[in-house]
Amino acid sequence: FGKAGWLIILYAAVLMFLSNGAQTDGLNLFVEAFSSQNGWDANSVLALSTPAGYVGILAGLPLGFLTMKKGPKFVLAACLVIGAISMACYGFSTTIPMYAVSLIVMCCTHNCFAVIAINTLLANWFPKKKGLALGWATMGMNLSSALYTPILSFLLARFTLGSSVGMIAFVTLLMGVITVLVIKDTPEECGC
């Protein structure tokens, strides 16, 4: 893949790690933490994840068209920044409506940056080896299953829920900045 190619694959793996952790692996800890902090019924909080996930899937259609029109870098940067803001709002939610709206926006943006736009970027970079590149990149999801919950448990044991989620939001925002400064839509733009 070359040095630049491996950078793109590692970048994709990090995005998949963040998305999978926020929407799936961290869910049990998030639901329990929000329920304990705000006195909410845990089952009601957990039940919001399903419709939020469906909205995130449906948002894939317009975001997919936007990716085709503007290119993956633009959509990745936008979804990472909006995703970071929604993640921060999610962490500081004090009402069910605020929690639900931030969760829906988070699902929409995370699904896009970890599936739609990143797969387009990988296809642009590796037209003849996209399956192999995607295989390496999806290891980010497996690492998320192994590491996200212990990392989140560590953070929640030492910081408030809002601060813990805020740190994850900051990493997401940092990935948005890296996207703007480093990532290119095609290898040709890097001279590869």
C-alpha atoms as a PDB file:
ATOM      1  CA  PHE A   1       0.000   0.000   0.000  1.00  0.00           C
ATOM      2  CA  GLY A   2       2.896   2.361   0.501  1.00  0.00           C
ATOM      3  CA  LYS A   3       3.441   4.784   3.384  1.00  0.00           C
ATOM      4  CA  ALA A   4       0.628   7.132   2.328  1.00  0.00           C
ATOM      5  CA  GLY A   5      -1.700   4.184   1.717  1.00  0.00           C
ATOM      6  CA  TRP A   6      -1.085   2.737   5.163  1.00  0.00           C
ATOM      7  CA  LEU A   7      -1.770   6.177   6.632  1.00  0.00           C
ATOM      8  CA  ILE A   8      -5.196   6.162   4.951  1.00  0.00           C
ATOM      9  CA  ILE A   9      -5.896   2.630   6.226  1.00  0.00           C
ATOM     10  CA  LEU A  10      -4.864   3.570   9.780  1.00  0.00           C
ATOM     11  CA  TYR A  11      -6.990   6.718   9.563  1.00  0.00           C
ATOM     12  CA  ALA A  12      -9.980   4.619   8.448  1.00  0.00           C
ATOM     13  CA  ALA A  13      -9.410   2.168  11.312  1.00  0.00           C
ATOM     14  CA  VAL A  14      -9.422   5.000  13.866  1.00  0.00           C
ATOM     15  CA  LEU A  15     -12.707   6.342  12.465  1.00  0.00           C
ATOM     16  CA  MET A  16     -14.270   2.879  12.628  1.00  0.00           C
ATOM     17  CA  PHE A  17     -12.988   2.499  16.201  1.00  0.00           C
ATOM     18  CA  LEU A  18     -14.592   5.795  17.260  1.00  0.00           C
ATOM     19  CA  SER A  19     -17.891   5.124  15.532  1.00  0.00           C
ATOM     20  CA  ASN A  20     -18.309   1.535  16.639  1.00  0.00           C
ATOM     21  CA  GLY A  21     -17.383   2.427  20.207  1.00  0.00           C
ATOM     22  CA  ALA A  22     -19.750   5.367  20.474  1.00  0.00           C
ATOM     23  CA  GLN A  23     -22.739   3.637  18.909  1.00  0.00           C
ATOM     24  CA  THR A  24     -22.305   0.015  19.980  1.00  0.00           C
ATOM     25  CA  ASP A  25     -19.544  -0.974  22.378  1.00  0.00           C
ATOM     26  CA  GLY A  26     -19.914   1.917  24.802  1.00  0.00           C
ATOM     27  CA  LEU A  27     -23.698   1.736  24.851  1.00  0.00           C
ATOM     28  CA  ASN A  28     -24.040  -0.336  28.021  1.00  0.00           C
ATOM     29  CA  LEU A  29     -21.793   2.003  29.967  1.00  0.00           C
ATOM     30  CA  PHE A  30     -23.353   5.133  28.471  1.00  0.00           C
ATOM     31  CA  VAL A  31     -26.920   4.035  29.245  1.00  0.00           C
ATOM     32  CA  GLU A  32     -26.071   3.117  32.827  1.00  0.00           C
ATOM     33  CA  ALA A  33     -24.130   6.347  33.378  1.00  0.00           C
ATOM     34  CA  PHE A  34     -26.909   8.561  31.965  1.00  0.00           C
ATOM     35  CA  SER A  35     -29.564   6.686  33.931  1.00  0.00           C
ATOM     36  CA  SER A  36     -27.631   6.999  37.193  1.00  0.00           C
ATOM     37  CA  GLN A  37     -26.686  10.647  36.667  1.00  0.00           C
ATOM     38  CA  ASN A  38     -30.100  11.911  35.598  1.00  0.00           C
ATOM     39  CA  GLY A  39     -32.453   9.468  37.315  1.00  0.00           C
ATOM     40  CA  TRP A  40     -33.753   8.156  33.978  1.00  0.00           C
ATOM     41  CA  ASP A  41     -35.160   4.701  33.369  1.00  0.00           C
ATOM     42  CA  ALA A  42     -32.337   2.684  31.758  1.00  0.00           C
ATOM     43  CA  ASN A  43     -34.720   0.766  29.474  1.00  0.00           C
ATOM     44  CA  SER A  44     -36.217   4.002  28.143  1.00  0.00           C
ATOM     45  CA  VAL A  45     -32.771   5.412  27.449  1.00  0.00           C
ATOM     46  CA  LEU A  46     -31.642   2.211  25.733  1.00  0.00           C
ATOM     47  CA  ALA A  47     -34.830   2.119  23.643  1.00  0.00           C
ATOM     48  CA  LEU A  48     -33.848   5.428  22.001  1.00  0.00           C
ATOM     49  CA  SER A  49     -30.829   3.782  20.369  1.00  0.00           C
ATOM     50  CA  THR A  50     -32.890   1.762  17.894  1.00  0.00           C
ATOM     51  CA  PRO A  51     -34.765   4.652  16.249  1.00  0.00           C
ATOM     52  CA  ALA A  52     -31.576   6.744  16.326  1.00  0.00           C
ATOM     53  CA  GLY A  53     -29.785   3.940  14.489  1.00  0.00           C
ATOM     54  CA  TYR A  54     -32.549   3.749  11.877  1.00  0.00           C
ATOM     55  CA  VAL A  55     -32.375   7.502  11.284  1.00  0.00           C
ATOM     56  CA  GLY A  56     -28.597   7.149  10.950  1.00  0.00           C
ATOM     57  CA  ILE A  57     -29.105   4.517   8.254  1.00  0.00           C
ATOM     58  CA  LEU A  58     -31.639   6.662   6.394  1.00  0.00           C
ATOM     59  CA  ALA A  59     -29.293   9.647   6.577  1.00  0.00           C
ATOM     60  CA  GLY A  60     -26.867   7.556   4.568  1.00  0.00           C
ATOM     61  CA  LEU A  61     -28.809   8.276   1.387  1.00  0.00           C
ATOM     62  CA  PRO A  62     -28.375  12.059   1.257  1.00  0.00           C
ATOM     63  CA  LEU A  63     -24.912  11.822   2.806  1.00  0.00           C
ATOM     64  CA  GLY A  64     -23.941   9.265   0.174  1.00  0.00           C
ATOM     65  CA  PHE A  65     -25.066  11.618  -2.597  1.00  0.00           C
ATOM     66  CA  LEU A  66     -23.162  14.449  -0.914  1.00  0.00           C
ATOM     67  CA  THR A  67     -20.053  12.245  -0.821  1.00  0.00           C
ATOM     68  CA  MET A  68     -20.372  11.573  -4.559  1.00  0.00           C
ATOM     69  CA  LYS A  69     -20.851  15.274  -5.283  1.00  0.00           C
ATOM     70  CA  LYS A  70     -18.305  16.905  -2.937  1.00  0.00           C
ATOM     71  CA  GLY A  71     -15.854  14.044  -2.382  1.00  0.00           C
ATOM     72  CA  PRO A  72     -15.115  11.990   0.716  1.00  0.00           C
ATOM     73  CA  LYS A  73     -12.694  14.450   2.354  1.00  0.00           C
ATOM     74  CA  PHE A  74     -15.306  17.211   2.566  1.00  0.00           C
ATOM     75  CA  VAL A  75     -17.952  14.879   3.995  1.00  0.00           C
ATOM     76  CA  LEU A  76     -15.499  13.232   6.391  1.00  0.00           C
ATOM     77  CA  ALA A  77     -14.380  16.591   7.773  1.00  0.00           C
ATOM     78  CA  ALA A  78     -17.942  17.886   8.102  1.00  0.00           C
ATOM     79  CA  CYS A  79     -19.253  14.714   9.741  1.00  0.00           C
ATOM     80  CA  LEU A  80     -16.319  14.508  12.132  1.00  0.00           C
ATOM     81  CA  VAL A  81     -16.787  18.105  13.297  1.00  0.00           C
ATOM     82  CA  ILE A  82     -20.581  17.816  13.580  1.00  0.00           C
ATOM     83  CA  GLY A  83     -20.155  14.363  15.128  1.00  0.00           C
ATOM     84  CA  ALA A  84     -17.778  15.766  17.753  1.00  0.00           C
ATOM     85  CA  ILE A  85     -20.220  18.548  18.636  1.00  0.00           C
ATOM     86  CA  SER A  86     -23.126  16.095  18.874  1.00  0.00           C
ATOM     87  CA  MET A  87     -20.983  13.754  20.984  1.00  0.00           C
ATOM     88  CA  ALA A  88     -20.193  16.592  23.397  1.00  0.00           C
ATOM     89  CA  CYS A  89     -23.899  17.526  23.575  1.00  0.00           C
ATOM     90  CA  TYR A  90     -24.680  13.856  24.131  1.00  0.00           C
ATOM     91  CA  GLY A  91     -22.268  13.738  27.069  1.00  0.00           C
ATOM     92  CA  PHE A  92     -23.786  16.795  28.714  1.00  0.00           C
ATOM     93  CA  SER A  93     -27.437  15.847  28.090  1.00  0.00           C
ATOM     94  CA  THR A  94     -29.685  16.606  31.035  1.00  0.00           C
ATOM     95  CA  THR A  95     -33.046  15.996  29.367  1.00  0.00           C
ATOM     96  CA  ILE A  96     -34.384  13.084  27.339  1.00  0.00           C
ATOM     97  CA  PRO A  97     -35.097  15.283  24.255  1.00  0.00           C
ATOM     98  CA  MET A  98     -31.536  16.663  24.316  1.00  0.00           C
ATOM     99  CA  TYR A  99     -30.190  13.128  24.681  1.00  0.00           C
ATOM    100  CA  ALA A 100     -32.363  11.851  21.814  1.00  0.00           C
ATOM    101  CA  VAL A 101     -31.496  14.657  19.379  1.00  0.00           C
ATOM    102  CA  SER A 102     -27.764  14.476  20.079  1.00  0.00           C
ATOM    103  CA  LEU A 103     -27.860  10.677  19.775  1.00  0.00           C
ATOM    104  CA  ILE A 104     -29.647  10.896  16.412  1.00  0.00           C
ATOM    105  CA  VAL A 105     -27.160  13.451  15.043  1.00  0.00           C
ATOM    106  CA  MET A 106     -24.306  11.365  16.404  1.00  0.00           C
ATOM    107  CA  CYS A 107     -25.618   8.218  14.699  1.00  0.00           C
ATOM    108  CA  CYS A 108     -26.050  10.053  11.382  1.00  0.00           C
ATOM    109  CA  THR A 109     -22.567  11.566  11.369  1.00  0.00           C
ATOM    110  CA  HIS A 110     -20.765   8.534  12.790  1.00  0.00           C
ATOM    111  CA  ASN A 111     -22.404   6.188  10.293  1.00  0.00           C
ATOM    112  CA  CYS A 112     -21.332   8.467   7.479  1.00  0.00           C
ATOM    113  CA  PHE A 113     -17.735   8.997   8.493  1.00  0.00           C
ATOM    114  CA  ALA A 114     -17.175   5.345   9.428  1.00  0.00           C
ATOM    115  CA  VAL A 115     -19.035   3.679   6.558  1.00  0.00           C
ATOM    116  CA  ILE A 116     -20.089   5.807   3.604  1.00  0.00           C
ATOM    117  CA  ALA A 117     -17.382   8.434   3.210  1.00  0.00           C
ATOM    118  CA  ILE A 118     -14.512   6.269   4.449  1.00  0.00           C
ATOM    119  CA  ASN A 119     -15.422   3.414   2.083  1.00  0.00           C
ATOM    120  CA  THR A 120     -15.469   5.906  -0.787  1.00  0.00           C
ATOM    121  CA  LEU A 121     -12.053   7.187   0.267  1.00  0.00           C
ATOM    122  CA  LEU A 122     -10.682   3.632   0.443  1.00  0.00           C
ATOM    123  CA  ALA A 123     -12.140   2.833  -2.991  1.00  0.00           C
ATOM    124  CA  ASN A 124     -10.512   5.982  -4.413  1.00  0.00           C
ATOM    125  CA  TRP A 125      -7.151   5.106  -2.926  1.00  0.00           C
ATOM    126  CA  PHE A 126      -7.150   1.380  -3.630  1.00  0.00           C
ATOM    127  CA  PRO A 127      -9.200   0.686  -6.783  1.00  0.00           C
ATOM    128  CA  LYS A 128      -7.605  -2.739  -7.290  1.00  0.00           C
ATOM    129  CA  LYS A 129      -7.133  -3.660  -3.615  1.00  0.00           C
ATOM    130  CA  LYS A 130     -10.149  -2.033  -1.946  1.00  0.00           C
ATOM    131  CA  GLY A 131     -11.305  -5.307  -0.340  1.00  0.00           C
ATOM    132  CA  LEU A 132      -7.900  -5.897   1.205  1.00  0.00           C
ATOM    133  CA  ALA A 133      -7.618  -2.258   2.350  1.00  0.00           C
ATOM    134  CA  LEU A 134     -11.116  -2.398   3.847  1.00  0.00           C
ATOM    135  CA  GLY A 135     -10.221  -5.656   5.595  1.00  0.00           C
ATOM    136  CA  TRP A 136      -7.279  -3.995   7.320  1.00  0.00           C
ATOM    137  CA  ALA A 137      -9.298  -0.879   8.146  1.00  0.00           C
ATOM    138  CA  THR A 138     -12.196  -2.792   9.692  1.00  0.00           C
ATOM    139  CA  MET A 139      -9.808  -4.063  12.328  1.00  0.00           C
ATOM    140  CA  GLY A 140     -10.650  -0.744  13.990  1.00  0.00           C
ATOM    141  CA  MET A 141     -14.079  -2.171  14.792  1.00  0.00           C
ATOM    142  CA  ASN A 142     -12.549  -5.280  16.364  1.00  0.00           C
ATOM    143  CA  LEU A 143     -10.172  -3.165  18.406  1.00  0.00           C
ATOM    144  CA  SER A 144     -13.137  -1.085  19.509  1.00  0.00           C
ATOM    145  CA  SER A 145     -14.872  -4.199  20.812  1.00  0.00           C
ATOM    146  CA  ALA A 146     -11.745  -5.081  22.775  1.00  0.00           C
ATOM    147  CA  LEU A 147     -10.637  -1.639  23.987  1.00  0.00           C
ATOM    148  CA  TYR A 148     -13.433   0.950  23.938  1.00  0.00           C
ATOM    149  CA  THR A 149     -15.282  -0.343  26.995  1.00  0.00           C
ATOM    150  CA  PRO A 150     -12.149  -0.572  29.192  1.00  0.00           C
ATOM    151  CA  ILE A 151     -11.065   2.919  28.074  1.00  0.00           C
ATOM    152  CA  LEU A 152     -14.526   4.317  28.779  1.00  0.00           C
ATOM    153  CA  SER A 153     -14.653   2.529  32.156  1.00  0.00           C
ATOM    154  CA  PHE A 154     -11.283   4.051  33.028  1.00  0.00           C
ATOM    155  CA  LEU A 155     -12.501   7.536  32.087  1.00  0.00           C
ATOM    156  CA  LEU A 156     -15.828   7.210  33.916  1.00  0.00           C
ATOM    157  CA  ALA A 157     -14.053   6.042  37.081  1.00  0.00           C
ATOM    158  CA  ARG A 158     -11.901   9.181  37.134  1.00  0.00           C
ATOM    159  CA  PHE A 159     -14.003  11.891  35.516  1.00  0.00           C
ATOM    160  CA  THR A 160     -17.628  12.924  35.217  1.00  0.00           C
ATOM    161  CA  LEU A 161     -19.781  11.534  32.423  1.00  0.00           C
ATOM    162  CA  GLY A 162     -19.688  14.850  30.564  1.00  0.00           C
ATOM    163  CA  SER A 163     -15.909  15.134  30.826  1.00  0.00           C
ATOM    164  CA  SER A 164     -15.379  11.519  29.760  1.00  0.00           C
ATOM    165  CA  VAL A 165     -17.576  11.869  26.703  1.00  0.00           C
ATOM    166  CA  GLY A 166     -16.046  15.286  26.062  1.00  0.00           C
ATOM    167  CA  MET A 167     -12.608  13.675  25.773  1.00  0.00           C
ATOM    168  CA  ILE A 168     -13.938  11.243  23.185  1.00  0.00           C
ATOM    169  CA  ALA A 169     -15.577  14.173  21.376  1.00  0.00           C
ATOM    170  CA  PHE A 170     -12.230  15.978  21.389  1.00  0.00           C
ATOM    171  CA  VAL A 171     -10.529  12.970  19.733  1.00  0.00           C
ATOM    172  CA  THR A 172     -13.306  12.971  17.115  1.00  0.00           C
ATOM    173  CA  LEU A 173     -12.773  16.694  16.516  1.00  0.00           C
ATOM    174  CA  LEU A 174      -9.018  16.107  16.289  1.00  0.00           C
ATOM    175  CA  MET A 175      -9.674  13.541  13.549  1.00  0.00           C
ATOM    176  CA  GLY A 176     -11.685  16.217  11.731  1.00  0.00           C
ATOM    177  CA  VAL A 177      -8.714  18.583  11.897  1.00  0.00           C
ATOM    178  CA  ILE A 178      -6.397  15.816  10.652  1.00  0.00           C
ATOM    179  CA  THR A 179      -8.827  15.234   7.794  1.00  0.00           C
ATOM    180  CA  VAL A 180      -8.664  18.863   6.721  1.00  0.00           C
ATOM    181  CA  LEU A 181      -4.872  19.114   7.031  1.00  0.00           C
ATOM    182  CA  VAL A 182      -3.632  15.688   5.901  1.00  0.00           C
ATOM    183  CA  ILE A 183      -6.202  13.556   4.075  1.00  0.00           C
ATOM    184  CA  LYS A 184      -6.537  13.725   0.284  1.00  0.00           C
ATOM    185  CA  ASP A 185      -9.429  12.362  -1.807  1.00  0.00           C
ATOM    186  CA  THR A 186      -7.117  10.475  -4.153  1.00  0.00           C
ATOM    187  CA  PRO A 187      -3.526   9.235  -4.055  1.00  0.00           C
ATOM    188  CA  GLU A 188      -2.751  11.413  -7.072  1.00  0.00           C
ATOM    189  CA  GLU A 189      -3.308  14.498  -4.905  1.00  0.00           C
ATOM    190  CA  CYS A 190      -0.390  13.267  -2.741  1.00  0.00           C
ATOM    191  CA  GLY A 191       1.781  12.549  -5.748  1.00  0.00           C
ATOM    192  CA  CYS A 192       1.262   8.776  -5.398  1.00  0.00           C
END
